[in-house]
Protein backbone atom coordinates (compact mmCIF):
# COMPACT_ATOMS: atom_id res chain seq x y z
CA MET A 1 -43.09 21.98 -44.09
CA SER A 2 -45.60 18.94 -42.23
CA GLY A 3 -44.10 17.02 -38.82
CA SER A 4 -42.53 14.49 -41.29
CA ASP A 5 -40.04 15.88 -42.81
CA VAL A 6 -38.11 17.04 -39.35
CA LEU A 7 -38.95 13.85 -36.61
CA ARG A 8 -37.47 11.08 -37.66
CA LEU A 9 -38.70 9.39 -34.77
CA GLY A 10 -40.21 9.59 -31.97
CA PRO A 11 -41.28 10.95 -29.56
CA LEU A 12 -40.50 7.96 -27.20
CA LEU A 13 -41.41 8.92 -23.50
CA ARG A 14 -38.65 7.43 -21.27
CA TYR A 15 -37.94 7.86 -17.50
CA VAL A 16 -41.04 9.34 -15.75
CA ASP A 17 -40.92 9.92 -11.56
CA ASP A 18 -43.58 11.89 -9.97
CA THR A 19 -42.55 14.81 -10.71
CA THR A 20 -39.84 14.49 -14.03
CA ALA A 21 -40.22 13.48 -17.19
CA THR A 22 -37.65 12.94 -20.00
CA VAL A 23 -38.29 12.44 -24.26
CA TRP A 24 -36.57 11.67 -26.57
CA VAL A 25 -36.40 12.52 -30.78
CA GLU A 26 -34.68 11.84 -33.69
CA THR A 27 -34.33 15.02 -36.21
CA THR A 28 -33.86 14.75 -39.75
CA GLU A 29 -31.49 18.25 -38.77
CA ALA A 30 -29.95 20.29 -36.47
CA ALA A 31 -33.29 21.98 -34.81
CA THR A 32 -34.67 23.38 -31.94
CA VAL A 33 -36.70 21.15 -30.00
CA VAL A 34 -39.06 22.19 -27.49
CA VAL A 35 -41.60 19.80 -25.62
CA ALA A 36 -44.65 21.36 -23.34
CA ALA A 37 -46.87 19.89 -21.24
CA GLY A 38 -49.33 22.23 -20.02
CA ASP A 39 -47.43 25.57 -17.77
CA ARG A 40 -44.26 23.52 -17.82
CA ALA A 41 -41.53 23.53 -21.66
CA ALA A 42 -38.04 22.26 -22.08
CA THR A 43 -36.13 23.06 -24.65
CA THR A 44 -33.01 21.58 -26.45
CA ARG A 45 -30.83 21.71 -29.10
CA THR A 46 -30.52 18.19 -30.93
CA PHE A 47 -26.78 16.69 -30.91
CA ALA A 48 -25.42 14.74 -33.78
CA ALA A 49 -24.03 11.20 -34.21
CA HIS A 50 -22.90 9.60 -37.04
CA GLY A 51 -25.33 11.97 -39.57
CA HIS A 52 -28.28 11.86 -37.25
CA HIS A 53 -29.65 14.31 -34.77
CA TYR A 54 -31.05 13.21 -31.64
CA ALA A 55 -32.99 15.48 -28.68
CA LEU A 56 -33.52 14.70 -25.10
CA ALA A 57 -36.00 16.98 -23.53
CA GLU A 58 -36.36 16.86 -19.60
CA LEU A 59 -39.05 18.57 -17.81
CA ASP A 60 -39.43 19.39 -14.80
CA GLY A 61 -42.05 20.54 -12.09
CA LEU A 62 -45.05 18.51 -13.46
CA GLU A 63 -47.91 18.43 -11.09
CA PRO A 64 -47.52 14.68 -9.50
CA GLY A 65 -50.60 11.94 -10.35
CA GLY A 66 -50.82 14.34 -12.96
CA HIS A 67 -51.62 13.41 -17.10
CA HIS A 68 -50.19 16.13 -18.99
CA PRO A 69 -51.29 15.77 -22.94
CA TYR A 70 -47.64 17.37 -24.00
CA THR A 71 -46.50 18.34 -27.71
CA VAL A 72 -43.69 18.23 -29.47
CA ASP A 73 -42.03 21.67 -31.37
CA VAL A 74 -38.80 21.21 -33.58
CA GLY A 75 -37.59 24.34 -35.21
CA GLY A 76 -40.50 25.89 -34.75
CA VAL A 77 -43.19 23.47 -36.59
CA ARG A 78 -45.02 21.30 -34.61
CA VAL A 79 -44.74 17.93 -35.32
CA TRP A 80 -46.64 16.29 -32.35
CA PRO A 81 -49.03 15.25 -32.00
CA THR A 82 -49.49 14.12 -35.96
CA ARG A 83 -53.12 15.17 -37.74
CA GLU A 84 -53.05 11.85 -38.41
CA GLN A 85 -53.45 10.15 -35.18
CA GLU A 86 -55.86 8.64 -34.50
CA TYR A 87 -54.90 6.71 -31.09
CA GLY A 88 -55.36 10.32 -29.18
CA GLU A 89 -53.23 12.87 -27.59
CA SER A 90 -49.79 11.13 -26.03
CA VAL A 91 -49.94 11.89 -22.35
CA ILE A 92 -47.56 12.08 -19.96
CA ALA A 93 -49.06 10.05 -16.43
CA THR A 94 -46.29 10.69 -13.25
CA LEU A 95 -46.21 9.36 -11.08
CA ARG A 96 -48.08 10.08 -7.64
CA PRO A 97 -46.73 8.66 -4.47
CA GLY A 98 -48.35 5.26 -3.31
CA LYS A 99 -50.62 4.71 -5.68
CA PRO A 100 -49.82 0.59 -6.41
CA LEU A 101 -46.89 0.28 -9.59
CA ARG A 102 -48.64 -1.43 -11.86
CA MET A 103 -45.16 -2.89 -14.80
CA ALA A 104 -45.79 -3.91 -18.32
CA PHE A 105 -42.62 -6.15 -19.86
CA GLY A 106 -41.48 -8.71 -21.89
CA SER A 107 -38.53 -9.15 -24.44
CA CYS A 108 -38.11 -10.57 -28.00
CA ARG A 109 -39.81 -8.42 -31.18
CA VAL A 110 -39.78 -8.53 -34.37
CA SER A 111 -40.37 -5.75 -36.43
CA VAL A 112 -42.34 -7.08 -39.39
CA SER A 113 -45.94 -6.64 -41.21
CA HIS A 114 -48.62 -6.34 -39.29
CA ASP A 115 -50.61 -7.57 -42.14
CA GLU A 116 -51.89 -11.57 -42.85
CA GLU A 117 -47.69 -12.71 -43.64
CA GLY A 118 -47.17 -10.81 -41.15
CA HIS A 119 -48.85 -12.82 -38.53
CA GLU A 120 -48.75 -15.71 -41.07
CA ALA A 121 -44.79 -16.12 -39.76
CA HIS A 122 -44.41 -14.31 -36.34
CA GLY A 123 -48.11 -14.27 -34.75
CA VAL A 124 -49.81 -10.74 -33.54
CA ASP A 125 -47.57 -8.52 -32.38
CA ALA A 126 -48.70 -8.23 -28.54
CA LEU A 127 -47.48 -5.13 -27.72
CA ARG A 128 -49.40 -4.24 -30.82
CA ALA A 129 -52.55 -4.78 -28.96
CA TYR A 130 -51.83 -4.06 -26.57
CA ALA A 131 -51.44 0.17 -27.36
CA MET A 132 -54.94 -0.56 -29.52
CA ARG A 133 -56.44 -1.84 -26.27
CA MET A 134 -55.04 1.16 -24.55
CA ALA A 135 -56.07 3.45 -27.07
CA GLY A 136 -59.97 2.23 -26.99
CA ILE A 137 -59.37 0.76 -31.12
CA THR A 138 -61.02 -2.22 -30.67
CA GLY A 139 -63.23 -1.19 -28.28
CA ASP A 140 -62.19 -4.35 -25.74
CA GLY A 141 -59.76 -2.19 -23.30
CA ASP A 142 -60.13 0.96 -21.44
CA GLY A 143 -60.09 3.48 -24.48
CA GLN A 144 -57.86 6.90 -22.40
CA ASP A 145 -59.02 5.78 -18.71
CA THR A 146 -55.05 6.54 -18.52
CA GLY A 147 -55.46 5.80 -15.01
CA GLY A 148 -55.88 2.16 -16.00
CA TRP A 149 -52.25 2.03 -17.85
CA PRO A 150 -49.04 1.01 -16.76
CA ASP A 151 -46.75 3.36 -14.98
CA LEU A 152 -43.65 0.99 -17.06
CA VAL A 153 -42.68 -0.82 -19.73
CA LEU A 154 -39.36 -2.71 -19.19
CA PHE A 155 -38.56 -4.37 -22.38
CA LEU A 156 -36.14 -7.22 -21.44
CA GLY A 157 -33.71 -7.11 -24.49
CA ASP A 158 -33.80 -8.14 -28.19
CA GLN A 159 -35.38 -5.14 -28.67
CA VAL A 160 -34.32 -4.86 -31.86
CA TYR A 161 -33.15 -8.34 -34.26
CA ALA A 162 -29.22 -7.33 -35.41
CA ASP A 163 -28.55 -10.62 -37.08
CA ASP A 164 -31.51 -11.77 -38.25
CA THR A 165 -33.29 -9.46 -40.65
CA SER A 166 -36.32 -8.19 -41.96
CA VAL A 167 -37.21 -8.55 -45.59
CA GLU A 168 -37.49 -4.38 -44.91
CA MET A 169 -33.85 -4.25 -43.34
CA LYS A 170 -32.56 -6.66 -46.06
CA ARG A 171 -33.89 -4.00 -48.93
CA PHE A 172 -32.20 -0.84 -47.39
CA ILE A 173 -28.91 -3.32 -46.54
CA GLU A 174 -29.35 -4.05 -50.41
CA GLU A 175 -29.73 -0.15 -51.33
CA ARG A 176 -25.95 0.82 -49.82
CA ARG A 177 -24.07 -2.31 -49.91
CA ASP A 178 -23.50 -5.83 -51.71
CA PRO A 179 -25.09 -8.34 -49.02
CA SER A 180 -22.77 -11.41 -50.27
CA GLU A 181 -19.57 -10.18 -48.72
CA SER A 182 -19.25 -9.77 -44.88
CA PRO A 183 -22.03 -9.75 -42.86
CA TRP A 184 -23.82 -10.11 -45.41
CA TYR A 185 -27.63 -9.55 -44.58
CA GLU A 186 -26.67 -8.37 -41.35
CA LEU A 187 -26.02 -5.29 -39.37
CA LYS A 188 -22.53 -3.56 -40.63
CA ASP A 189 -22.15 -0.35 -39.08
CA TYR A 190 -24.17 2.83 -37.36
CA GLU A 191 -26.10 3.96 -40.35
CA GLU A 192 -28.34 0.46 -40.54
CA TYR A 193 -29.32 0.67 -36.33
CA ALA A 194 -30.53 3.34 -37.24
CA HIS A 195 -32.45 2.31 -39.91
CA LEU A 196 -33.80 -0.34 -37.37
CA TYR A 197 -34.52 1.24 -34.61
CA ARG A 198 -36.65 3.23 -37.48
CA LEU A 199 -38.24 -0.15 -38.70
CA ALA A 200 -38.73 -1.08 -35.19
CA TRP A 201 -40.54 1.58 -33.50
CA SER A 202 -42.33 3.90 -36.37
CA ASP A 203 -45.09 1.43 -36.51
CA PRO A 204 -48.15 3.91 -35.48
CA ALA A 205 -49.88 2.24 -32.74
CA ASN A 206 -46.98 1.86 -31.33
CA ARG A 207 -44.96 4.94 -32.45
CA TRP A 208 -48.43 6.19 -29.72
CA LEU A 209 -47.42 3.48 -26.98
CA LEU A 210 -44.09 4.74 -26.65
CA SER A 211 -45.27 8.01 -26.40
CA THR A 212 -47.52 7.43 -23.63
CA LEU A 213 -46.07 4.54 -21.40
CA PRO A 214 -43.29 5.32 -19.81
CA SER A 215 -40.42 3.17 -21.08
CA ALA A 216 -37.19 1.37 -19.77
CA MET A 217 -34.79 -1.12 -22.05
CA ILE A 218 -31.89 -3.54 -21.32
CA PHE A 219 -30.40 -5.15 -24.32
CA ASP A 220 -29.84 -9.08 -24.58
CA ASP A 221 -27.98 -11.07 -27.27
CA HIS A 222 -30.09 -10.19 -30.27
CA ASP A 223 -29.13 -6.78 -29.91
CA ILE A 224 -25.67 -7.65 -30.98
CA ARG A 225 -25.36 -10.98 -31.74
CA ASP A 226 -27.20 -13.86 -31.60
CA ASP A 227 -24.70 -15.85 -28.41
CA TRP A 228 -22.74 -11.98 -28.02
CA ASN A 229 -20.42 -13.17 -25.29
CA THR A 230 -21.02 -16.75 -24.90
CA SER A 231 -17.77 -17.70 -23.82
CA LEU A 232 -13.70 -16.14 -24.61
CA SER A 233 -13.77 -19.29 -27.44
CA TRP A 234 -16.59 -17.40 -29.27
CA ARG A 235 -15.48 -13.88 -28.60
CA ARG A 236 -11.82 -14.74 -29.82
CA GLU A 237 -13.72 -16.40 -33.02
CA MET A 238 -15.64 -12.80 -34.20
CA GLU A 239 -12.58 -10.71 -32.99
CA GLN A 240 -10.95 -12.09 -36.05
CA THR A 241 -13.74 -11.58 -38.62
CA ASP A 242 -13.76 -8.13 -40.47
CA TRP A 243 -16.43 -6.94 -39.79
CA TRP A 244 -17.04 -7.41 -35.98
CA HIS A 245 -15.45 -4.28 -34.41
CA GLU A 246 -17.29 -2.57 -36.66
CA ARG A 247 -20.11 -4.25 -35.18
CA VAL A 248 -20.20 -4.44 -32.27
CA VAL A 249 -19.48 -1.14 -31.51
CA ALA A 250 -21.92 0.04 -33.70
CA GLY A 251 -24.18 -1.87 -31.91
CA LEU A 252 -23.52 -0.54 -27.96
CA ALA A 253 -23.24 3.25 -29.90
CA SER A 254 -26.41 2.82 -31.82
CA TYR A 255 -27.95 1.25 -27.69
CA TRP A 256 -26.81 4.81 -25.87
CA VAL A 257 -28.56 7.05 -27.83
CA TYR A 258 -31.26 5.33 -28.64
CA GLN A 259 -31.84 3.44 -25.22
CA HIS A 260 -29.90 3.20 -22.18
CA LEU A 261 -29.44 7.33 -22.14
CA GLY A 262 -33.60 7.17 -21.48
CA ASN A 263 -32.93 5.33 -18.63
CA LEU A 264 -31.51 6.89 -16.24
CA SER A 265 -33.14 9.70 -14.42
CA PRO A 266 -32.32 12.91 -14.34
CA ALA A 267 -29.47 12.68 -11.15
CA ASP A 268 -27.91 9.25 -12.80
CA ARG A 269 -27.85 11.17 -16.21
CA ALA A 270 -25.84 13.78 -15.43
CA GLU A 271 -23.23 11.87 -13.58
CA ASP A 272 -22.41 10.79 -17.53
CA PRO A 273 -19.36 12.31 -19.09
CA LEU A 274 -20.78 11.96 -22.16
CA TRP A 275 -23.90 13.09 -21.29
CA GLN A 276 -22.51 15.73 -19.81
CA ARG A 277 -20.80 16.86 -22.66
CA ILE A 278 -24.58 16.86 -24.01
CA SER A 279 -25.63 19.25 -21.37
CA THR A 280 -23.44 21.49 -21.29
CA TYR A 281 -22.70 22.71 -24.53
CA ASP A 282 -22.85 25.87 -26.26
CA GLY A 283 -21.35 25.85 -29.02
CA GLU A 284 -23.02 27.51 -32.22
CA ALA A 285 -22.88 24.46 -34.05
CA GLU A 286 -24.69 21.37 -32.93
CA LEU A 287 -22.50 19.49 -31.11
CA ASP A 288 -21.36 15.95 -33.09
CA ILE A 289 -20.11 13.75 -30.83
CA SER A 290 -19.68 10.67 -33.39
CA ALA A 291 -16.09 9.99 -32.22
CA GLU A 292 -16.92 10.07 -28.16
CA LEU A 293 -19.50 8.20 -28.43
CA ASP A 294 -17.22 5.77 -30.84
CA GLU A 295 -14.64 5.78 -28.60
CA LEU A 296 -17.64 4.99 -25.16
CA ALA A 297 -18.79 2.13 -26.88
CA ASP A 298 -15.48 0.30 -27.93
CA ALA A 299 -14.58 0.85 -24.48
CA ALA A 300 -16.99 -0.70 -22.99
CA ASP A 301 -16.92 -3.87 -25.15
CA GLN A 302 -13.15 -3.90 -24.60
CA ARG A 303 -13.31 -3.51 -20.78
CA PRO A 304 -16.64 -4.03 -19.62
CA ASP A 305 -16.06 -2.20 -16.14
CA SER A 306 -15.30 1.21 -18.42
CA TYR A 307 -19.09 1.79 -18.62
CA ARG A 308 -21.91 0.41 -16.81
CA TRP A 309 -25.27 -0.51 -18.86
CA SER A 310 -27.53 -2.02 -15.79
CA PHE A 311 -29.41 0.77 -13.85
CA SER A 312 -32.21 0.60 -11.05
CA ARG A 313 -35.38 3.04 -10.10
CA ASP A 314 -37.15 3.47 -6.60
CA TYR A 315 -40.97 3.73 -6.64
CA ASP A 316 -41.42 4.63 -2.67
CA THR A 317 -41.15 2.04 -0.55
CA GLN A 318 -43.47 -0.62 -2.15
CA ALA A 319 -41.12 -1.47 -4.93
CA ARG A 320 -37.20 -1.49 -6.05
CA LEU A 321 -37.01 -2.09 -10.03
CA VAL A 322 -32.96 -3.21 -10.48
CA VAL A 323 -31.94 -3.89 -14.06
CA ILE A 324 -29.08 -6.06 -14.97
CA ASP A 325 -26.79 -6.42 -17.63
CA SER A 326 -26.03 -9.89 -18.24
CA ARG A 327 -24.28 -9.63 -21.61
CA ALA A 328 -21.77 -6.19 -21.48
CA ALA A 329 -20.26 -7.55 -17.90
CA ARG A 330 -19.36 -10.92 -18.23
CA VAL A 331 -16.20 -12.78 -16.59
CA LEU A 332 -14.75 -15.23 -20.04
CA GLU A 333 -11.52 -16.39 -18.51
CA PRO A 334 -12.25 -19.85 -18.28
CA GLU A 335 -11.12 -20.42 -15.28
CA ARG A 336 -13.26 -17.78 -13.43
CA ARG A 337 -16.35 -16.90 -15.19
CA SER A 338 -19.28 -15.15 -14.44
CA ILE A 339 -21.95 -13.54 -15.48
CA LEU A 340 -20.81 -10.21 -13.64
CA ASP A 341 -17.92 -8.82 -13.65
CA ASP A 342 -16.67 -7.73 -9.88
CA GLU A 343 -17.23 -3.90 -10.58
CA GLU A 344 -21.03 -4.82 -11.92
CA MET A 345 -21.02 -7.29 -9.06
CA ALA A 346 -21.13 -4.87 -6.14
CA TRP A 347 -23.12 -2.43 -7.36
CA LEU A 348 -25.90 -5.21 -8.02
CA ASP A 349 -24.82 -6.50 -3.84
CA LYS A 350 -25.05 -2.61 -3.18
CA ARG A 351 -28.85 -3.09 -4.30
CA MET A 352 -29.36 -5.85 -3.31
CA ARG A 353 -31.16 -4.40 -0.19
CA GLY A 354 -34.87 -5.12 1.91
CA ASP A 355 -36.60 -1.79 3.08
CA VAL A 356 -38.65 -2.48 0.92
CA ASP A 357 -42.45 -3.90 0.04
CA HIS A 358 -41.11 -5.44 -3.77
CA LEU A 359 -37.76 -6.02 -4.58
CA LEU A 360 -38.15 -6.64 -8.76
CA VAL A 361 -34.65 -7.77 -10.81
CA GLY A 362 -34.36 -7.37 -13.88
CA THR A 363 -32.69 -9.24 -16.53
CA SER A 364 -32.92 -10.48 -19.54
CA LEU A 365 -31.92 -13.96 -19.11
CA PRO A 366 -33.98 -16.46 -16.83
CA PHE A 367 -32.30 -16.15 -13.72
CA LEU A 368 -34.05 -19.53 -12.83
CA LEU A 369 -34.62 -21.93 -15.79
CA ALA A 370 -36.85 -24.80 -16.68
CA PRO A 371 -35.18 -27.52 -14.16
CA ALA A 372 -33.47 -30.03 -16.53
CA ILE A 373 -32.37 -26.56 -18.99
CA HIS A 374 -30.33 -25.32 -15.19
CA HIS A 375 -28.60 -28.80 -15.37
CA ALA A 376 -27.80 -29.49 -18.63
CA GLU A 377 -26.62 -25.43 -18.32
CA SER A 378 -24.45 -25.71 -15.16
CA PHE A 379 -22.59 -29.60 -16.99
CA SER A 380 -21.86 -27.79 -20.29
CA GLU A 381 -19.88 -25.29 -18.03
CA ALA A 382 -18.03 -28.02 -16.65
CA LEU A 383 -17.51 -29.66 -19.46
CA ALA A 384 -16.30 -26.75 -21.55
CA THR A 385 -14.12 -25.63 -18.43
CA GLY A 386 -12.46 -28.69 -18.22
CA ARG A 387 -13.95 -30.36 -14.90
CA PHE A 388 -14.28 -33.96 -16.85
CA GLY A 389 -10.93 -33.88 -17.75
CA ARG A 390 -9.16 -31.02 -20.94
CA TRP A 391 -9.95 -33.71 -24.00
CA LEU A 392 -14.15 -33.08 -22.58
CA ARG A 393 -13.26 -29.57 -23.31
CA PRO A 394 -13.69 -28.72 -27.06
CA ALA A 395 -16.72 -30.76 -26.58
CA GLY A 396 -18.38 -29.33 -24.41
CA GLU A 397 -17.29 -25.85 -26.10
CA SER A 398 -19.07 -27.24 -29.08
CA LEU A 399 -22.42 -28.25 -27.29
CA ARG A 400 -21.67 -24.28 -25.19
CA GLN A 401 -23.10 -22.68 -29.11
CA ALA A 402 -24.60 -25.31 -30.75
CA ALA A 403 -27.81 -25.21 -27.84
CA ASP A 404 -27.47 -22.05 -26.88
CA LEU A 405 -25.98 -22.89 -23.50
CA GLU A 406 -25.45 -19.25 -21.50
CA HIS A 407 -27.47 -18.31 -19.54
CA TRP A 408 -26.82 -17.53 -15.99
CA ALA A 409 -26.76 -20.88 -15.41
CA ALA A 410 -23.64 -21.37 -17.54
CA PHE A 411 -22.34 -19.43 -14.67
CA GLN A 412 -21.87 -20.85 -11.95
CA GLU A 413 -20.35 -18.88 -10.19
CA GLY A 414 -22.26 -15.77 -10.48
CA PHE A 415 -25.02 -17.32 -10.38
CA ALA A 416 -24.52 -19.07 -6.59
CA ARG A 417 -23.77 -14.63 -5.57
CA VAL A 418 -26.56 -13.53 -6.76
CA ALA A 419 -28.72 -16.79 -5.15
CA ARG A 420 -27.47 -16.30 -1.65
CA MET A 421 -27.64 -12.07 -1.86
CA VAL A 422 -31.34 -13.77 -2.51
CA LEU A 423 -31.60 -15.32 1.20
CA GLU A 424 -29.94 -12.64 2.12
CA VAL A 425 -32.56 -10.83 1.59
CA GLY A 426 -35.14 -13.17 2.14
CA SER A 427 -34.20 -13.79 6.11
CA GLY A 428 -33.93 -9.72 6.93
CA GLN A 429 -30.01 -9.75 6.67
CA ARG A 430 -30.11 -6.65 4.31
CA GLY A 431 -32.62 -5.19 6.07
CA ARG A 432 -36.57 -5.22 6.01
CA ALA A 433 -37.08 -8.70 4.41
CA PRO A 434 -39.41 -7.56 1.01
CA ARG A 435 -42.77 -9.87 0.52
CA THR A 436 -41.20 -10.65 -3.00
CA VAL A 437 -37.56 -10.94 -4.54
CA THR A 438 -38.85 -11.41 -8.05
CA PHE A 439 -37.15 -11.76 -10.95
CA LEU A 440 -38.84 -10.29 -14.30
CA SER A 441 -37.35 -12.75 -17.14
CA GLY A 442 -37.04 -12.57 -20.61
CA ASP A 443 -34.75 -14.52 -24.30
CA VAL A 444 -36.48 -18.32 -23.57
CA HIS A 445 -38.96 -17.25 -26.09
CA HIS A 446 -41.33 -19.52 -23.91
CA SER A 447 -42.64 -17.67 -20.20
CA TYR A 448 -43.47 -18.83 -17.36
CA VAL A 449 -43.89 -18.20 -13.33
CA ALA A 450 -41.15 -20.59 -11.30
CA GLU A 451 -41.34 -20.71 -7.01
CA ALA A 452 -37.93 -20.99 -5.41
CA GLU A 453 -36.39 -21.65 -1.72
CA PRO A 454 -33.79 -22.36 -0.04
CA ASP A 455 -31.36 -25.62 0.13
CA PRO A 456 -32.16 -26.73 3.16
CA LEU A 457 -28.14 -27.53 4.25
CA GLU A 458 -28.47 -23.73 3.97
CA ASN A 459 -30.10 -23.68 7.59
CA VAL A 460 -31.73 -20.01 6.93
CA GLU A 461 -35.18 -18.90 7.10
CA VAL A 462 -36.63 -17.15 4.64
CA THR A 463 -39.59 -15.55 4.96
CA THR A 464 -39.61 -13.51 1.44
CA ARG A 465 -40.87 -15.72 -1.59
CA ILE A 466 -38.54 -15.59 -3.94
CA ILE A 467 -40.60 -15.58 -7.89
CA GLN A 468 -39.06 -15.67 -11.29
CA ALA A 469 -41.42 -13.90 -13.94
CA VAL A 470 -40.55 -14.78 -17.73
CA CYS A 471 -42.39 -13.02 -20.50
CA SER A 472 -40.92 -13.88 -23.66
CA PRO A 473 -41.46 -13.76 -26.80
CA ILE A 474 -43.82 -9.95 -26.96
CA ARG A 475 -43.89 -10.99 -31.11
CA ASN A 476 -40.87 -14.18 -32.21
CA PRO A 477 -42.90 -17.38 -31.32
CA LEU A 478 -40.94 -20.21 -30.28
CA PRO A 479 -40.48 -23.50 -32.80
CA ARG A 480 -42.70 -25.53 -32.61
CA PHE A 481 -40.60 -28.99 -32.14
CA MET A 482 -39.00 -27.04 -29.17
CA ARG A 483 -41.76 -26.63 -27.77
CA GLY A 484 -42.50 -30.54 -26.47
CA VAL A 485 -38.83 -30.25 -24.37
CA THR A 486 -39.32 -26.83 -23.51
CA ALA A 487 -42.16 -28.49 -21.66
CA LEU A 488 -40.07 -31.28 -20.50
CA ALA A 489 -37.29 -29.78 -19.41
CA GLY A 490 -40.16 -27.71 -16.50
CA LYS A 491 -41.22 -30.26 -14.91
CA GLY A 492 -39.53 -31.57 -11.11
CA ARG A 493 -37.41 -29.62 -9.48
CA ALA A 494 -34.13 -27.74 -9.64
CA ARG A 495 -32.00 -29.17 -7.42
CA PRO A 496 -28.90 -27.73 -5.77
CA THR A 497 -26.41 -29.41 -8.15
CA GLY A 498 -27.47 -31.98 -11.23
CA ALA A 499 -26.34 -35.91 -10.23
CA LEU A 500 -23.58 -35.07 -13.39
CA THR A 501 -21.83 -32.29 -11.90
CA ARG A 502 -22.15 -32.50 -7.68
CA GLY A 503 -18.94 -32.01 -6.69
CA ARG A 504 -17.47 -30.25 -10.10
CA MET A 505 -19.82 -26.77 -9.58
CA PRO A 506 -20.82 -24.77 -6.88
CA ARG A 507 -24.03 -25.84 -4.64
CA SER A 508 -26.87 -23.50 -5.80
CA PRO A 509 -28.60 -22.32 -1.72
CA LEU A 510 -32.09 -22.41 -4.04
CA ARG A 511 -34.69 -25.02 -4.80
CA TRP A 512 -37.28 -24.37 -7.19
CA ARG A 513 -40.06 -25.71 -9.38
CA LEU A 514 -42.01 -24.08 -12.23
CA THR A 515 -45.55 -23.27 -10.88
CA LYS A 516 -47.93 -21.54 -13.58
CA GLY A 517 -46.91 -22.95 -17.46
CA PRO A 518 -44.69 -22.93 -20.31
CA TRP A 519 -46.73 -20.81 -22.43
CA TYR A 520 -45.96 -19.82 -25.79
CA ASP A 521 -48.18 -16.85 -27.29
CA ASN A 522 -46.22 -13.59 -28.39
CA ASN A 523 -46.93 -11.81 -24.72
CA LEU A 524 -47.17 -8.08 -23.30
CA ALA A 525 -47.25 -9.51 -19.02
CA VAL A 526 -48.37 -7.28 -16.55
CA LEU A 527 -47.35 -6.99 -13.20
CA GLU A 528 -49.61 -5.16 -10.53
CA VAL A 529 -48.79 -4.21 -6.50
CA LEU A 530 -51.59 -5.15 -4.82
CA PRO A 531 -52.27 -5.04 -0.78
CA ASP A 532 -52.25 -8.97 -1.30
CA GLY A 533 -49.55 -9.84 -2.84
CA LEU A 534 -48.19 -9.14 -6.19
CA ARG A 535 -51.01 -10.31 -9.55
CA LEU A 536 -49.12 -10.69 -12.75
CA GLU A 537 -52.06 -11.99 -16.37
CA TRP A 538 -49.62 -12.42 -19.59
CA TRP A 539 -51.44 -10.60 -22.47
CA CYS A 540 -51.73 -11.41 -25.99
CA GLY A 541 -53.35 -10.24 -29.78
CA ARG A 542 -55.88 -12.11 -31.66
CA VAL A 543 -56.35 -11.56 -35.30
CA GLU A 544 -60.72 -11.84 -35.03
CA ASP A 545 -62.09 -10.33 -38.39
CA ASP A 546 -58.95 -7.25 -39.32
CA ASP A 547 -55.75 -8.40 -39.41
CA ASP A 548 -54.82 -4.54 -39.10
CA ARG A 549 -57.42 -4.64 -35.46
CA PRO A 550 -55.62 -7.30 -33.28
CA ALA A 551 -58.51 -7.41 -30.11
CA LEU A 552 -56.54 -8.42 -26.70
CA ARG A 553 -56.71 -11.39 -24.63
CA SER A 554 -55.59 -13.17 -21.60
CA VAL A 555 -53.34 -15.62 -21.45
CA ALA A 556 -53.48 -16.44 -18.38
CA VAL A 557 -53.00 -15.10 -14.44
CA VAL A 558 -51.36 -15.31 -10.57
CA GLU A 559 -52.54 -13.59 -8.52
CA GLY A 560 -51.42 -12.40 -4.58
CA ILE A 561 -47.98 -13.42 -4.58
CA GLY A 562 -46.19 -12.25 -1.29
């Protein structure tokens, strides 16, 4: 029996700190999984969900700052690394206390072919080009110099597209059901989500990268459906269909397995009731969590405060990373809209603290949009919530959905509350003021850097630089006709309120402007914490001689932030 007969997907290297590492796999059948690195090994049993089998192995006792090649055995068969592996060993690089943090980030990646046709339609996959540079395949990188690799890759949404499916995914759907019936060529159930993740993570180069770089992830709308939770009207329209309930339950259930579970530290995961059920199970047969998983997903959709998808990590005193769910935890009541509900806002409030050099806030949707877009979204919210009169509400709702006006700026109450937290952090009211508060985001299919300052009426002195860094897309370029619109929208400075909404919407505590960009390449960004401040560099892939082996090229660099 070969490794490909028993290993369906993975391994994915997920949470890693100075002494522990988490490795995720999907297998083709119930089995015992052993992950070994040197003299350390973790043995675990698979659990089942909707006919699929998974394991999450937790290695501990690793040497800090070490580079630990690892292997995976399933049912006594060595499945990783494979004999065909051309990218070298998969390595667990544990954190070394005091080592400057290096983190890659980006969002929006479609899973299509990496040939001439795929490149013509969707450009070069920046993640795949980065993998080839890491492995030294294209000759333009550091090869197996693990010291130059990121400590983490943060995926900020749209890891999979459940609503805009590829040719390969459409073929799978056709083999299972009639796509002329709802939900057509969109995803229907857990089985289709499982196949979509397999398409997204099976390319050999990307598979090796995901087995070697620790990853953290948060969903955005396309992981479920375009404009997910835009408004109460949108939600009610979806709930009236005959397919939405199965779709959203399958989307959140598969997200818990494929993305969320590996985001958590061993301590945080131990507090998760469903993981407790898995980790303490000692029955003879494989544990099947299908019913409990669907119950969790259904509750998370109907009662967002029943489950938290957000998470945070500290990297000594040099950085804290707080990753926010800005989709599932929304308050959509017209009289009180917020992008975060009360419990999620309280959770964030506890983590928006200083006493670190850099406070990094990951949110799939940019907190600071291009000025014109920000004010357009605020205006649409004012229209749709009746601030200009009840008779204009339908027009406002139509505008909001047609133009995808559903970012932080379209939830002004929540935006203002978080902006005020930022000022309190930056003015030293929440511990030692950090050098930066840096928002890391994706979603908008163009990349840029913005910098904010307090509105003079706030009467507060802030020593912290407030930065928005966007990297989008990894692979899904913005249509050309939209590029001029976004470039124009980035001009000027965002004021506390737009001229049309003054007195009708909450006043923003911040002003800001774009300081770099926008640019439109397929990108993967890398953030480094250096003595003279943050350094950010955006990288894209370029095909020169061989479509299968793109080279990596620098697009933009911003240095000395903070």
